[in-house]
Amino acid sequence: KFLTIIINWSDVNINNGVTRYIEGSHKNGERNGKEVYFQGEKGTVFLADNYGLHSGTLPKDSLRITSWLRLGKLENPASVQDGFVTTP
């Protein structure tokens, strides 16, 4: 129902706040799946369905610079927070 495009404007790695995703968590909320990190050099682009559990890691060395573009229907599971539809 939606797609996220992540663009790295700086080098992104485990030490500067990379996005972490738990594989399989979109199916059943499982928190013990394999962790996947969206890390890469400046200019790396990811297409992701990050409907499952995801978060940024704590930056240790520097900050990351990324853009997230979310495409999809206005009302979908990712746009509902606390029972209300959120819009930009």
C-alpha atoms as a PDB file:
ATOM      1  CA  LYS A   1       0.000   0.000   0.000  1.00  0.00           C
ATOM      2  CA  PHE A   2       3.018   2.277   0.195  1.00  0.00           C
ATOM      3  CA  LEU A   3       6.687   2.519  -0.684  1.00  0.00           C
ATOM      4  CA  THR A   4       9.512   4.483   0.907  1.00  0.00           C
ATOM      5  CA  ILE A   5      12.474   5.826  -1.039  1.00  0.00           C
ATOM      6  CA  ILE A   6      15.508   6.500   1.190  1.00  0.00           C
ATOM      7  CA  ILE A   7      18.288   8.671  -0.266  1.00  0.00           C
ATOM      8  CA  ASN A   8      21.622   8.880   1.578  1.00  0.00           C
ATOM      9  CA  TRP A   9      23.135  12.364   1.198  1.00  0.00           C
ATOM     10  CA  SER A  10      26.079  11.392   3.401  1.00  0.00           C
ATOM     11  CA  ASP A  11      27.847   8.104   4.101  1.00  0.00           C
ATOM     12  CA  VAL A  12      25.503   6.157   6.396  1.00  0.00           C
ATOM     13  CA  ASN A  13      26.692   3.366   8.693  1.00  0.00           C
ATOM     14  CA  ILE A  14      26.034   1.704  12.027  1.00  0.00           C
ATOM     15  CA  ASN A  15      27.802   4.549  13.886  1.00  0.00           C
ATOM     16  CA  ASN A  16      25.778   7.520  12.639  1.00  0.00           C
ATOM     17  CA  GLY A  17      22.095   6.685  12.987  1.00  0.00           C
ATOM     18  CA  VAL A  18      21.416   4.168  10.223  1.00  0.00           C
ATOM     19  CA  THR A  19      17.834   2.886   9.809  1.00  0.00           C
ATOM     20  CA  ARG A  20      17.391  -0.622  11.217  1.00  0.00           C
ATOM     21  CA  TYR A  21      14.559  -2.935  10.113  1.00  0.00           C
ATOM     22  CA  ILE A  22      13.504  -6.243  11.709  1.00  0.00           C
ATOM     23  CA  GLU A  23      12.914  -8.822   8.964  1.00  0.00           C
ATOM     24  CA  GLY A  24       9.531 -10.559   9.207  1.00  0.00           C
ATOM     25  CA  SER A  25       8.064  -8.048  11.659  1.00  0.00           C
ATOM     26  CA  HIS A  26       5.544  -6.851   9.057  1.00  0.00           C
ATOM     27  CA  LYS A  27       3.824 -10.254   9.169  1.00  0.00           C
ATOM     28  CA  ASN A  28       3.340 -10.909  12.852  1.00  0.00           C
ATOM     29  CA  GLY A  29       5.094  -8.199  14.871  1.00  0.00           C
ATOM     30  CA  GLU A  30       7.978 -10.595  15.569  1.00  0.00           C
ATOM     31  CA  ARG A  31      10.820  -8.734  17.290  1.00  0.00           C
ATOM     32  CA  ASN A  32      13.419 -11.495  17.057  1.00  0.00           C
ATOM     33  CA  GLY A  33      13.994 -11.482  13.293  1.00  0.00           C
ATOM     34  CA  LYS A  34      17.223 -10.664  11.502  1.00  0.00           C
ATOM     35  CA  GLU A  35      18.204  -6.987  11.692  1.00  0.00           C
ATOM     36  CA  VAL A  36      18.743  -5.305   8.312  1.00  0.00           C
ATOM     37  CA  TYR A  37      20.587  -1.961   8.106  1.00  0.00           C
ATOM     38  CA  PHE A  38      20.025   0.554   5.284  1.00  0.00           C
ATOM     39  CA  GLN A  39      23.638   1.674   5.182  1.00  0.00           C
ATOM     40  CA  GLY A  40      25.731   2.779   2.249  1.00  0.00           C
ATOM     41  CA  GLU A  41      27.880   5.444   0.712  1.00  0.00           C
ATOM     42  CA  LYS A  42      26.713   8.942  -0.132  1.00  0.00           C
ATOM     43  CA  GLY A  43      24.268   8.679  -3.048  1.00  0.00           C
ATOM     44  CA  THR A  44      22.944   5.219  -2.155  1.00  0.00           C
ATOM     45  CA  VAL A  45      19.187   4.882  -2.708  1.00  0.00           C
ATOM     46  CA  PHE A  46      16.933   2.250  -1.122  1.00  0.00           C
ATOM     47  CA  LEU A  47      13.375   1.263  -2.027  1.00  0.00           C
ATOM     48  CA  ALA A  48      11.753  -0.112   1.084  1.00  0.00           C
ATOM     49  CA  ASP A  49       8.439  -1.341   2.388  1.00  0.00           C
ATOM     50  CA  ASN A  50       9.172  -0.450   5.996  1.00  0.00           C
ATOM     51  CA  TYR A  51       5.726  -1.384   7.294  1.00  0.00           C
ATOM     52  CA  GLY A  52       7.354  -3.563   9.978  1.00  0.00           C
ATOM     53  CA  LEU A  53       9.394  -2.573  13.015  1.00  0.00           C
ATOM     54  CA  HIS A  54      12.105  -0.043  12.171  1.00  0.00           C
ATOM     55  CA  SER A  55      14.081   2.667  13.918  1.00  0.00           C
ATOM     56  CA  GLY A  56      17.230   4.707  13.659  1.00  0.00           C
ATOM     57  CA  THR A  57      20.277   3.643  15.639  1.00  0.00           C
ATOM     58  CA  LEU A  58      21.892   6.093  18.047  1.00  0.00           C
ATOM     59  CA  PRO A  59      24.559   8.207  16.334  1.00  0.00           C
ATOM     60  CA  LYS A  60      28.032   7.715  17.858  1.00  0.00           C
ATOM     61  CA  ASP A  61      30.540   9.344  15.480  1.00  0.00           C
ATOM     62  CA  SER A  62      28.591  11.766  13.273  1.00  0.00           C
ATOM     63  CA  LEU A  63      25.108  12.474  11.968  1.00  0.00           C
ATOM     64  CA  ARG A  64      23.551  11.024   8.832  1.00  0.00           C
ATOM     65  CA  ILE A  65      21.749  13.089   6.237  1.00  0.00           C
ATOM     66  CA  THR A  66      18.940  11.257   4.416  1.00  0.00           C
ATOM     67  CA  SER A  67      15.670  12.031   2.684  1.00  0.00           C
ATOM     68  CA  TRP A  68      12.629   9.780   2.963  1.00  0.00           C
ATOM     69  CA  LEU A  69       9.974   9.980   0.264  1.00  0.00           C
ATOM     70  CA  ARG A  70       6.820   8.039   1.089  1.00  0.00           C
ATOM     71  CA  LEU A  71       4.465   7.119  -1.717  1.00  0.00           C
ATOM     72  CA  GLY A  72       1.078   5.491  -1.234  1.00  0.00           C
ATOM     73  CA  LYS A  73      -2.564   5.914  -0.402  1.00  0.00           C
ATOM     74  CA  LEU A  74      -3.404   8.660   2.082  1.00  0.00           C
ATOM     75  CA  GLU A  75      -5.051   6.199   4.445  1.00  0.00           C
ATOM     76  CA  ASN A  76      -2.847   3.143   5.054  1.00  0.00           C
ATOM     77  CA  PRO A  77      -1.412   1.415   8.136  1.00  0.00           C
ATOM     78  CA  ALA A  78       1.618   3.743   8.108  1.00  0.00           C
ATOM     79  CA  SER A  79      -0.460   6.937   8.106  1.00  0.00           C
ATOM     80  CA  VAL A  80      -2.576   6.022  11.133  1.00  0.00           C
ATOM     81  CA  GLN A  81      -1.043   7.073  14.449  1.00  0.00           C
ATOM     82  CA  ASP A  82      -2.955   6.909  17.710  1.00  0.00           C
ATOM     83  CA  GLY A  83      -6.160   6.240  15.790  1.00  0.00           C
ATOM     84  CA  PHE A  84      -5.923   9.348  13.578  1.00  0.00           C
ATOM     85  CA  VAL A  85      -4.786   9.764   9.968  1.00  0.00           C
ATOM     86  CA  THR A  86      -1.745  12.017   9.759  1.00  0.00           C
ATOM     87  CA  THR A  87      -0.919  14.164   6.740  1.00  0.00           C
ATOM     88  CA  PRO A  88       2.145  16.235   5.927  1.00  0.00           C
END
